[in-house]
Amino acid sequence: MNKGTIVTVVLNNGAEIVGKLVLDDFTGVIINRPRMVQVTQQGVGLVNGISMTGIEPKGDFTFPKNSVLYVIETAEEIANGWTQQTSGIALPNKGLLG
C-alpha cells in the first residue's frame, strides 16, 4: 500500500485501528491520527484515539510489528468517515450526485 492510504490495522487482540499510512516496515506500522473502530447499536463508529481510556494521539503512532496481524486498505465509507472526523471535510456519499 502507498503512503497516505487510509488503512485498517488489525491487532493481535482483534482491535481494529483506522488511520493514514505513514510507514509499514519490518519493525512496525506507523499511522497518522489513529482511530479505534467501535461497534454500536447504530453501526460502526470511530473512537477518538486508540483506547477507550487513553489520550488521543494527535499525530503519528507506531504499532510494533509483533502486535499487528495485518494491514488492509479501509472500506471507502469508513475511510470517508475518518477523513471527516480528522479534518472536518465532509465527503459526498456515492449515488447522491447525478
PDB file of N, CA and C in Angstrom:
ATOM      1  N   MET A   1       0.828  -1.180   0.000  1.00  0.00           N
ATOM      2  CA  MET A   1       0.000   0.000   0.000  1.00  0.00           C
ATOM      3  C   MET A   1       0.876   1.247   0.000  1.00  0.00           C
ATOM      4  N   ASN A   2       0.334   2.280  -0.560  1.00  0.00           N
ATOM      5  CA  ASN A   2       1.080   3.524  -0.671  1.00  0.00           C
ATOM      6  C   ASN A   2       0.936   4.386   0.566  1.00  0.00           C
ATOM      7  N   LYS A   3       1.976   5.146   0.859  1.00  0.00           N
ATOM      8  CA  LYS A   3       1.933   6.126   1.925  1.00  0.00           C
ATOM      9  C   LYS A   3       0.758   7.066   1.653  1.00  0.00           C
ATOM     10  N   GLY A   4      -0.002   7.393   2.691  1.00  0.00           N
ATOM     11  CA  GLY A   4      -1.139   8.282   2.543  1.00  0.00           C
ATOM     12  C   GLY A   4      -2.471   7.573   2.370  1.00  0.00           C
ATOM     13  N   THR A   5      -2.431   6.254   2.143  1.00  0.00           N
ATOM     14  CA  THR A   5      -3.653   5.466   2.024  1.00  0.00           C
ATOM     15  C   THR A   5      -4.302   5.324   3.399  1.00  0.00           C
ATOM     16  N   ILE A   6      -5.630   5.407   3.456  1.00  0.00           N
ATOM     17  CA  ILE A   6      -6.338   5.162   4.716  1.00  0.00           C
ATOM     18  C   ILE A   6      -6.418   3.648   4.886  1.00  0.00           C
ATOM     19  N   VAL A   7      -5.863   3.154   5.996  1.00  0.00           N
ATOM     20  CA  VAL A   7      -5.761   1.712   6.221  1.00  0.00           C
ATOM     21  C   VAL A   7      -6.409   1.314   7.541  1.00  0.00           C
ATOM     22  N   THR A   8      -6.694   0.029   7.638  1.00  0.00           N
ATOM     23  CA  THR A   8      -7.136  -0.584   8.883  1.00  0.00           C
ATOM     24  C   THR A   8      -6.015  -1.493   9.364  1.00  0.00           C
ATOM     25  N   VAL A   9      -5.564  -1.254  10.583  1.00  0.00           N
ATOM     26  CA  VAL A   9      -4.554  -2.096  11.225  1.00  0.00           C
ATOM     27  C   VAL A   9      -5.303  -3.013  12.176  1.00  0.00           C
ATOM     28  N   VAL A  10      -5.188  -4.314  11.967  1.00  0.00           N
ATOM     29  CA  VAL A  10      -5.835  -5.282  12.845  1.00  0.00           C
ATOM     30  C   VAL A  10      -4.777  -5.812  13.803  1.00  0.00           C
ATOM     31  N   LEU A  11      -5.033  -5.631  15.089  1.00  0.00           N
ATOM     32  CA  LEU A  11      -4.078  -6.027  16.119  1.00  0.00           C
ATOM     33  C   LEU A  11      -4.321  -7.462  16.577  1.00  0.00           C
ATOM     34  N   ASN A  12      -3.344  -8.028  17.259  1.00  0.00           N
ATOM     35  CA  ASN A  12      -3.436  -9.411  17.738  1.00  0.00           C
ATOM     36  C   ASN A  12      -4.651  -9.656  18.624  1.00  0.00           C
ATOM     37  N   ASN A  13      -5.097  -8.645  19.349  1.00  0.00           N
ATOM     38  CA  ASN A  13      -6.243  -8.806  20.242  1.00  0.00           C
ATOM     39  C   ASN A  13      -7.577  -8.624  19.522  1.00  0.00           C
ATOM     40  N   GLY A  14      -7.538  -8.398  18.202  1.00  0.00           N
ATOM     41  CA  GLY A  14      -8.750  -8.236  17.411  1.00  0.00           C
ATOM     42  C   GLY A  14      -9.184  -6.794  17.219  1.00  0.00           C
ATOM     43  N   ALA A  15      -8.577  -5.865  17.943  1.00  0.00           N
ATOM     44  CA  ALA A  15      -8.924  -4.454  17.784  1.00  0.00           C
ATOM     45  C   ALA A  15      -8.559  -3.990  16.372  1.00  0.00           C
ATOM     46  N   GLU A  16      -9.381  -3.105  15.834  1.00  0.00           N
ATOM     47  CA  GLU A  16      -9.125  -2.523  14.516  1.00  0.00           C
ATOM     48  C   GLU A  16      -8.900  -1.034  14.694  1.00  0.00           C
ATOM     49  N   ILE A  17      -7.841  -0.543  14.056  1.00  0.00           N
ATOM     50  CA  ILE A  17      -7.454   0.857  14.131  1.00  0.00           C
ATOM     51  C   ILE A  17      -7.406   1.410  12.707  1.00  0.00           C
ATOM     52  N   VAL A  18      -8.036   2.559  12.479  1.00  0.00           N
ATOM     53  CA  VAL A  18      -8.057   3.190  11.160  1.00  0.00           C
ATOM     54  C   VAL A  18      -7.212   4.455  11.207  1.00  0.00           C
ATOM     55  N   GLY A  19      -6.430   4.672  10.170  1.00  0.00           N
ATOM     56  CA  GLY A  19      -5.629   5.889  10.075  1.00  0.00           C
ATOM     57  C   GLY A  19      -4.930   5.969   8.733  1.00  0.00           C
ATOM     58  N   LYS A  20      -4.209   7.067   8.539  1.00  0.00           N
ATOM     59  CA  LYS A  20      -3.474   7.277   7.288  1.00  0.00           C
ATOM     60  C   LYS A  20      -2.097   6.634   7.404  1.00  0.00           C
ATOM     61  N   LEU A  21      -1.757   5.764   6.456  1.00  0.00           N
ATOM     62  CA  LEU A  21      -0.483   5.041   6.491  1.00  0.00           C
ATOM     63  C   LEU A  21       0.690   5.992   6.285  1.00  0.00           C
ATOM     64  N   VAL A  22       1.631   5.932   7.214  1.00  0.00           N
ATOM     65  CA  VAL A  22       2.865   6.694   7.111  1.00  0.00           C
ATOM     66  C   VAL A  22       3.995   5.759   6.687  1.00  0.00           C
ATOM     67  N   LEU A  23       4.090   4.592   7.343  1.00  0.00           N
ATOM     68  CA  LEU A  23       5.169   3.646   7.070  1.00  0.00           C
ATOM     69  C   LEU A  23       4.760   2.260   7.546  1.00  0.00           C
ATOM     70  N   ASP A  24       5.095   1.260   6.751  1.00  0.00           N
ATOM     71  CA  ASP A  24       4.894  -0.140   7.127  1.00  0.00           C
ATOM     72  C   ASP A  24       6.187  -0.861   6.786  1.00  0.00           C
ATOM     73  N   ASP A  25       6.979  -1.189   7.813  1.00  0.00           N
ATOM     74  CA  ASP A  25       8.228  -1.902   7.569  1.00  0.00           C
ATOM     75  C   ASP A  25       8.358  -3.059   8.554  1.00  0.00           C
ATOM     76  N   PHE A  26       9.518  -3.668   8.613  1.00  0.00           N
ATOM     77  CA  PHE A  26       9.700  -4.870   9.417  1.00  0.00           C
ATOM     78  C   PHE A  26       9.638  -4.606  10.921  1.00  0.00           C
ATOM     79  N   THR A  27       9.747  -3.350  11.351  1.00  0.00           N
ATOM     80  CA  THR A  27       9.713  -3.058  12.786  1.00  0.00           C
ATOM     81  C   THR A  27       8.336  -2.644  13.285  1.00  0.00           C
ATOM     82  N   GLY A  28       7.526  -2.044  12.412  1.00  0.00           N
ATOM     83  CA  GLY A  28       6.219  -1.589  12.862  1.00  0.00           C
ATOM     84  C   GLY A  28       5.403  -0.936  11.767  1.00  0.00           C
ATOM     85  N   VAL A  29       4.209  -0.559  12.156  1.00  0.00           N
ATOM     86  CA  VAL A  29       3.291   0.146  11.267  1.00  0.00           C
ATOM     87  C   VAL A  29       3.027   1.501  11.903  1.00  0.00           C
ATOM     88  N   ILE A  30       3.296   2.558  11.152  1.00  0.00           N
ATOM     89  CA  ILE A  30       3.057   3.918  11.643  1.00  0.00           C
ATOM     90  C   ILE A  30       1.861   4.477  10.897  1.00  0.00           C
ATOM     91  N   ILE A  31       0.857   4.917  11.664  1.00  0.00           N
ATOM     92  CA  ILE A  31      -0.290   5.563  11.040  1.00  0.00           C
ATOM     93  C   ILE A  31      -0.516   6.919  11.695  1.00  0.00           C
ATOM     94  N   ASN A  32      -1.088   7.815  10.921  1.00  0.00           N
ATOM     95  CA  ASN A  32      -1.372   9.165  11.369  1.00  0.00           C
ATOM     96  C   ASN A  32      -2.806   9.263  11.847  1.00  0.00           C
ATOM     97  N   ARG A  33      -2.982   9.930  12.997  1.00  0.00           N
ATOM     98  CA  ARG A  33      -4.298  10.198  13.597  1.00  0.00           C
ATOM     99  C   ARG A  33      -5.145   8.933  13.720  1.00  0.00           C
ATOM    100  N   PRO A  34      -4.639   7.932  14.436  1.00  0.00           N
ATOM    101  CA  PRO A  34      -5.365   6.662  14.559  1.00  0.00           C
ATOM    102  C   PRO A  34      -6.688   6.806  15.286  1.00  0.00           C
ATOM    103  N   ARG A  35      -7.651   6.009  14.834  1.00  0.00           N
ATOM    104  CA  ARG A  35      -8.975   5.949  15.445  1.00  0.00           C
ATOM    105  C   ARG A  35      -9.351   4.483  15.628  1.00  0.00           C
ATOM    106  N   MET A  36      -9.852   4.134  16.821  1.00  0.00           N
ATOM    107  CA  MET A  36     -10.268   2.771  17.091  1.00  0.00           C
ATOM    108  C   MET A  36     -11.682   2.551  16.559  1.00  0.00           C
ATOM    109  N   VAL A  37     -11.908   1.410  15.936  1.00  0.00           N
ATOM    110  CA  VAL A  37     -13.230   1.058  15.433  1.00  0.00           C
ATOM    111  C   VAL A  37     -14.054   0.521  16.596  1.00  0.00           C
ATOM    112  N   GLN A  38     -15.277   1.030  16.709  1.00  0.00           N
ATOM    113  CA  GLN A  38     -16.176   0.609  17.773  1.00  0.00           C
ATOM    114  C   GLN A  38     -17.526   0.259  17.147  1.00  0.00           C
ATOM    115  N   VAL A  39     -18.059  -0.898  17.501  1.00  0.00           N
ATOM    116  CA  VAL A  39     -19.369  -1.305  17.012  1.00  0.00           C
ATOM    117  C   VAL A  39     -20.408  -0.883  18.040  1.00  0.00           C
ATOM    118  N   THR A  40     -21.466  -0.201  17.555  1.00  0.00           N
ATOM    119  CA  THR A  40     -22.550   0.247  18.422  1.00  0.00           C
ATOM    120  C   THR A  40     -23.871  -0.260  17.854  1.00  0.00           C
ATOM    121  N   GLN A  41     -24.955   0.026  18.538  1.00  0.00           N
ATOM    122  CA  GLN A  41     -26.276  -0.355  18.031  1.00  0.00           C
ATOM    123  C   GLN A  41     -26.594   0.353  16.723  1.00  0.00           C
ATOM    124  N   GLN A  42     -26.009   1.528  16.510  1.00  0.00           N
ATOM    125  CA  GLN A  42     -26.247   2.284  15.286  1.00  0.00           C
ATOM    126  C   GLN A  42     -25.333   1.858  14.140  1.00  0.00           C
ATOM    127  N   GLY A  43     -24.367   1.002  14.405  1.00  0.00           N
ATOM    128  CA  GLY A  43     -23.433   0.550  13.377  1.00  0.00           C
ATOM    129  C   GLY A  43     -21.997   0.736  13.829  1.00  0.00           C
ATOM    130  N   VAL A  44     -21.113   0.900  12.867  1.00  0.00           N
ATOM    131  CA  VAL A  44     -19.684   1.038  13.145  1.00  0.00           C
ATOM    132  C   VAL A  44     -19.342   2.517  13.289  1.00  0.00           C
ATOM    133  N   GLY A  45     -18.541   2.823  14.315  1.00  0.00           N
ATOM    134  CA  GLY A  45     -18.099   4.197  14.530  1.00  0.00           C
ATOM    135  C   GLY A  45     -16.617   4.231  14.834  1.00  0.00           C
ATOM    136  N   LEU A  46     -16.058   5.419  14.839  1.00  0.00           N
ATOM    137  CA  LEU A  46     -14.641   5.602  15.131  1.00  0.00           C
ATOM    138  C   LEU A  46     -14.492   6.380  16.431  1.00  0.00           C
ATOM    139  N   VAL A  47     -13.716   5.830  17.359  1.00  0.00           N
ATOM    140  CA  VAL A  47     -13.447   6.449  18.645  1.00  0.00           C
ATOM    141  C   VAL A  47     -12.204   7.318  18.499  1.00  0.00           C
ATOM    142  N   ASN A  48     -12.250   8.525  19.048  1.00  0.00           N
ATOM    143  CA  ASN A  48     -11.058   9.380  19.020  1.00  0.00           C
ATOM    144  C   ASN A  48      -9.946   8.722  19.818  1.00  0.00           C
ATOM    145  N   GLY A  49      -8.927   8.241  19.142  1.00  0.00           N
ATOM    146  CA  GLY A  49      -7.803   7.608  19.805  1.00  0.00           C
ATOM    147  C   GLY A  49      -7.754   6.117  19.560  1.00  0.00           C
ATOM    148  N   ILE A  50      -6.951   5.436  20.385  1.00  0.00           N
ATOM    149  CA  ILE A  50      -6.706   4.009  20.175  1.00  0.00           C
ATOM    150  C   ILE A  50      -7.094   3.148  21.366  1.00  0.00           C
ATOM    151  N   SER A  51      -7.638   3.778  22.401  1.00  0.00           N
ATOM    152  CA  SER A  51      -8.140   3.010  23.543  1.00  0.00           C
ATOM    153  C   SER A  51      -9.299   3.782  24.158  1.00  0.00           C
ATOM    154  N   MET A  52     -10.126   3.083  24.898  1.00  0.00           N
ATOM    155  CA  MET A  52     -11.311   3.704  25.487  1.00  0.00           C
ATOM    156  C   MET A  52     -10.936   4.701  26.590  1.00  0.00           C
ATOM    157  N   THR A  53      -9.796   4.497  27.258  1.00  0.00           N
ATOM    158  CA  THR A  53      -9.452   5.335  28.402  1.00  0.00           C
ATOM    159  C   THR A  53      -8.179   6.148  28.222  1.00  0.00           C
ATOM    160  N   GLY A  54      -7.472   5.963  27.109  1.00  0.00           N
ATOM    161  CA  GLY A  54      -6.220   6.676  26.890  1.00  0.00           C
ATOM    162  C   GLY A  54      -6.425   8.007  26.184  1.00  0.00           C
ATOM    163  N   ILE A  55      -5.374   8.814  26.185  1.00  0.00           N
ATOM    164  CA  ILE A  55      -5.444  10.085  25.478  1.00  0.00           C
ATOM    165  C   ILE A  55      -5.383   9.843  23.972  1.00  0.00           C
ATOM    166  N   GLU A  56      -5.846  10.804  23.227  1.00  0.00           N
ATOM    167  CA  GLU A  56      -5.891  10.701  21.769  1.00  0.00           C
ATOM    168  C   GLU A  56      -4.544  11.098  21.169  1.00  0.00           C
ATOM    169  N   PRO A  57      -3.900  10.183  20.415  1.00  0.00           N
ATOM    170  CA  PRO A  57      -2.681  10.585  19.711  1.00  0.00           C
ATOM    171  C   PRO A  57      -3.023  11.647  18.663  1.00  0.00           C
ATOM    172  N   LYS A  58      -2.320  12.770  18.665  1.00  0.00           N
ATOM    173  CA  LYS A  58      -2.615  13.875  17.755  1.00  0.00           C
ATOM    174  C   LYS A  58      -1.896  13.757  16.419  1.00  0.00           C
ATOM    175  N   GLY A  59      -0.861  12.953  16.358  1.00  0.00           N
ATOM    176  CA  GLY A  59      -0.087  12.828  15.127  1.00  0.00           C
ATOM    177  C   GLY A  59       0.110  11.372  14.774  1.00  0.00           C
ATOM    178  N   ASP A  60       1.356  10.994  14.541  1.00  0.00           N
ATOM    179  CA  ASP A  60       1.692   9.624  14.166  1.00  0.00           C
ATOM    180  C   ASP A  60       1.785   8.731  15.399  1.00  0.00           C
ATOM    181  N   PHE A  61       1.428   7.463  15.211  1.00  0.00           N
ATOM    182  CA  PHE A  61       1.549   6.473  16.269  1.00  0.00           C
ATOM    183  C   PHE A  61       2.106   5.197  15.662  1.00  0.00           C
ATOM    184  N   THR A  62       3.068   4.587  16.356  1.00  0.00           N
ATOM    185  CA  THR A  62       3.711   3.363  15.868  1.00  0.00           C
ATOM    186  C   THR A  62       3.148   2.147  16.590  1.00  0.00           C
ATOM    187  N   PHE A  63       2.698   1.181  15.814  1.00  0.00           N
ATOM    188  CA  PHE A  63       2.270  -0.114  16.335  1.00  0.00           C
ATOM    189  C   PHE A  63       3.391  -1.111  16.040  1.00  0.00           C
ATOM    190  N   PRO A  64       3.992  -1.705  17.075  1.00  0.00           N
ATOM    191  CA  PRO A  64       5.067  -2.676  16.844  1.00  0.00           C
ATOM    192  C   PRO A  64       4.568  -3.829  15.976  1.00  0.00           C
ATOM    193  N   LYS A  65       5.413  -4.291  15.075  1.00  0.00           N
ATOM    194  CA  LYS A  65       5.018  -5.331  14.130  1.00  0.00           C
ATOM    195  C   LYS A  65       4.542  -6.595  14.840  1.00  0.00           C
ATOM    196  N   ASN A  66       5.096  -6.913  16.022  1.00  0.00           N
ATOM    197  CA  ASN A  66       4.684  -8.139  16.714  1.00  0.00           C
ATOM    198  C   ASN A  66       3.286  -8.039  17.322  1.00  0.00           C
ATOM    199  N   SER A  67       2.665  -6.852  17.281  1.00  0.00           N
ATOM    200  CA  SER A  67       1.286  -6.719  17.769  1.00  0.00           C
ATOM    201  C   SER A  67       0.277  -6.581  16.626  1.00  0.00           C
ATOM    202  N   VAL A  68       0.762  -6.627  15.378  1.00  0.00           N
ATOM    203  CA  VAL A  68      -0.097  -6.427  14.207  1.00  0.00           C
ATOM    204  C   VAL A  68      -0.317  -7.746  13.473  1.00  0.00           C
ATOM    205  N   LEU A  69      -1.587  -8.113  13.266  1.00  0.00           N
ATOM    206  CA  LEU A  69      -1.900  -9.294  12.456  1.00  0.00           C
ATOM    207  C   LEU A  69      -1.770  -8.983  10.981  1.00  0.00           C
ATOM    208  N   TYR A  70      -2.420  -7.881  10.554  1.00  0.00           N
ATOM    209  CA  TYR A  70      -2.324  -7.472   9.152  1.00  0.00           C
ATOM    210  C   TYR A  70      -2.786  -6.031   8.984  1.00  0.00           C
ATOM    211  N   VAL A  71      -2.469  -5.473   7.816  1.00  0.00           N
ATOM    212  CA  VAL A  71      -2.881  -4.124   7.434  1.00  0.00           C
ATOM    213  C   VAL A  71      -3.598  -4.248   6.106  1.00  0.00           C
ATOM    214  N   ILE A  72      -4.769  -3.616   6.007  1.00  0.00           N
ATOM    215  CA  ILE A  72      -5.567  -3.704   4.790  1.00  0.00           C
ATOM    216  C   ILE A  72      -6.158  -2.324   4.498  1.00  0.00           C
ATOM    217  N   GLU A  73      -6.374  -2.030   3.219  1.00  0.00           N
ATOM    218  CA  GLU A  73      -6.998  -0.761   2.861  1.00  0.00           C
ATOM    219  C   GLU A  73      -8.409  -0.705   3.444  1.00  0.00           C
ATOM    220  N   THR A  74      -8.766   0.439   3.994  1.00  0.00           N
ATOM    221  CA  THR A  74     -10.052   0.624   4.657  1.00  0.00           C
ATOM    222  C   THR A  74     -11.168   0.780   3.630  1.00  0.00           C
ATOM    223  N   ALA A  75     -12.334   0.219   3.946  1.00  0.00           N
ATOM    224  CA  ALA A  75     -13.516   0.381   3.095  1.00  0.00           C
ATOM    225  C   ALA A  75     -13.795   1.871   2.906  1.00  0.00           C
ATOM    226  N   GLU A  76     -14.273   2.234   1.716  1.00  0.00           N
ATOM    227  CA  GLU A  76     -14.448   3.638   1.346  1.00  0.00           C
ATOM    228  C   GLU A  76     -15.327   4.416   2.326  1.00  0.00           C
ATOM    229  N   GLU A  77     -16.437   3.853   2.744  1.00  0.00           N
ATOM    230  CA  GLU A  77     -17.353   4.551   3.649  1.00  0.00           C
ATOM    231  C   GLU A  77     -16.681   4.876   4.988  1.00  0.00           C
ATOM    232  N   ILE A  78     -15.916   3.934   5.515  1.00  0.00           N
ATOM    233  CA  ILE A  78     -15.212   4.142   6.783  1.00  0.00           C
ATOM    234  C   ILE A  78     -14.067   5.132   6.582  1.00  0.00           C
ATOM    235  N   ALA A  79     -13.344   5.014   5.466  1.00  0.00           N
ATOM    236  CA  ALA A  79     -12.251   5.946   5.164  1.00  0.00           C
ATOM    237  C   ALA A  79     -12.780   7.371   5.050  1.00  0.00           C
ATOM    238  N   ASN A  80     -13.934   7.536   4.415  1.00  0.00           N
ATOM    239  CA  ASN A  80     -14.542   8.866   4.319  1.00  0.00           C
ATOM    240  C   ASN A  80     -14.923   9.399   5.696  1.00  0.00           C
ATOM    241  N   GLY A  81     -15.416   8.518   6.574  1.00  0.00           N
ATOM    242  CA  GLY A  81     -15.739   8.915   7.945  1.00  0.00           C
ATOM    243  C   GLY A  81     -14.501   9.350   8.705  1.00  0.00           C
ATOM    244  N   TRP A  82     -13.391   8.646   8.498  1.00  0.00           N
ATOM    245  CA  TRP A  82     -12.131   9.023   9.139  1.00  0.00           C
ATOM    246  C   TRP A  82     -11.698  10.405   8.660  1.00  0.00           C
ATOM    247  N   THR A  83     -11.786  10.633   7.349  1.00  0.00           N
ATOM    248  CA  THR A  83     -11.395  11.933   6.790  1.00  0.00           C
ATOM    249  C   THR A  83     -12.247  13.046   7.374  1.00  0.00           C
ATOM    250  N   GLN A  84     -13.546  12.818   7.459  1.00  0.00           N
ATOM    251  CA  GLN A  84     -14.436  13.836   8.010  1.00  0.00           C
ATOM    252  C   GLN A  84     -14.128  14.093   9.483  1.00  0.00           C
ATOM    253  N   GLN A  85     -13.909  13.032  10.238  1.00  0.00           N
ATOM    254  CA  GLN A  85     -13.659  13.168  11.670  1.00  0.00           C
ATOM    255  C   GLN A  85     -12.336  13.867  11.959  1.00  0.00           C
ATOM    256  N   THR A  86     -11.308  13.609  11.167  1.00  0.00           N
ATOM    257  CA  THR A  86      -9.986  14.152  11.457  1.00  0.00           C
ATOM    258  C   THR A  86      -9.732  15.505  10.808  1.00  0.00           C
ATOM    259  N   SER A  87     -10.491  15.844   9.771  1.00  0.00           N
ATOM    260  CA  SER A  87     -10.234  17.101   9.070  1.00  0.00           C
ATOM    261  C   SER A  87     -11.429  18.046   9.048  1.00  0.00           C
ATOM    262  N   GLY A  88     -12.619  17.523   9.316  1.00  0.00           N
ATOM    263  CA  GLY A  88     -13.821  18.334   9.215  1.00  0.00           C
ATOM    264  C   GLY A  88     -14.355  18.449   7.803  1.00  0.00           C
ATOM    265  N   ILE A  89     -13.677  17.811   6.843  1.00  0.00           N
ATOM    266  CA  ILE A  89     -14.110  17.839   5.447  1.00  0.00           C
ATOM    267  C   ILE A  89     -15.125  16.726   5.225  1.00  0.00           C
ATOM    268  N   ALA A  90     -16.341  17.090   4.829  1.00  0.00           N
ATOM    269  CA  ALA A  90     -17.386  16.104   4.555  1.00  0.00           C
ATOM    270  C   ALA A  90     -17.302  15.677   3.101  1.00  0.00           C
ATOM    271  N   LEU A  91     -17.202  14.375   2.869  1.00  0.00           N
ATOM    272  CA  LEU A  91     -17.153  13.832   1.515  1.00  0.00           C
ATOM    273  C   LEU A  91     -18.532  13.320   1.125  1.00  0.00           C
ATOM    274  N   PRO A  92     -18.950  13.566  -0.123  1.00  0.00           N
ATOM    275  CA  PRO A  92     -20.282  13.109  -0.541  1.00  0.00           C
ATOM    276  C   PRO A  92     -20.360  11.591  -0.627  1.00  0.00           C
ATOM    277  N   ASN A  93     -21.542  11.054  -0.324  1.00  0.00           N
ATOM    278  CA  ASN A  93     -21.772   9.627  -0.495  1.00  0.00           C
ATOM    279  C   ASN A  93     -22.015   9.335  -1.958  1.00  0.00           C
ATOM    280  N   LYS A  94     -21.590   8.174  -2.412  1.00  0.00           N
ATOM    281  CA  LYS A  94     -21.855   7.777  -3.803  1.00  0.00           C
ATOM    282  C   LYS A  94     -23.359   7.704  -4.039  1.00  0.00           C
ATOM    283  N   GLY A  95     -23.750   8.064  -5.245  1.00  0.00           N
ATOM    284  CA  GLY A  95     -25.157   7.954  -5.624  1.00  0.00           C
ATOM    285  C   GLY A  95     -25.967   9.205  -5.341  1.00  0.00           C
ATOM    286  N   LEU A  96     -25.412  10.171  -4.633  1.00  0.00           N
ATOM    287  CA  LEU A  96     -26.153  11.383  -4.347  1.00  0.00           C
ATOM    288  C   LEU A  96     -26.065  12.392  -5.485  1.00  0.00           C
ATOM    289  N   LEU A  97     -25.036  12.260  -6.306  1.00  0.00           N
ATOM    290  CA  LEU A  97     -24.851  13.190  -7.417  1.00  0.00           C
ATOM    291  C   LEU A  97     -25.304  12.553  -8.707  1.00  0.00           C
ATOM    292  N   GLY A  98     -25.798  13.368  -9.613  1.00  0.00           N
ATOM    293  CA  GLY A  98     -26.076  12.846 -10.935  1.00  0.00           C
ATOM    294  C   GLY A  98     -27.478  12.616 -11.130  1.00  0.00           C
TER     295      GLY A  98
END
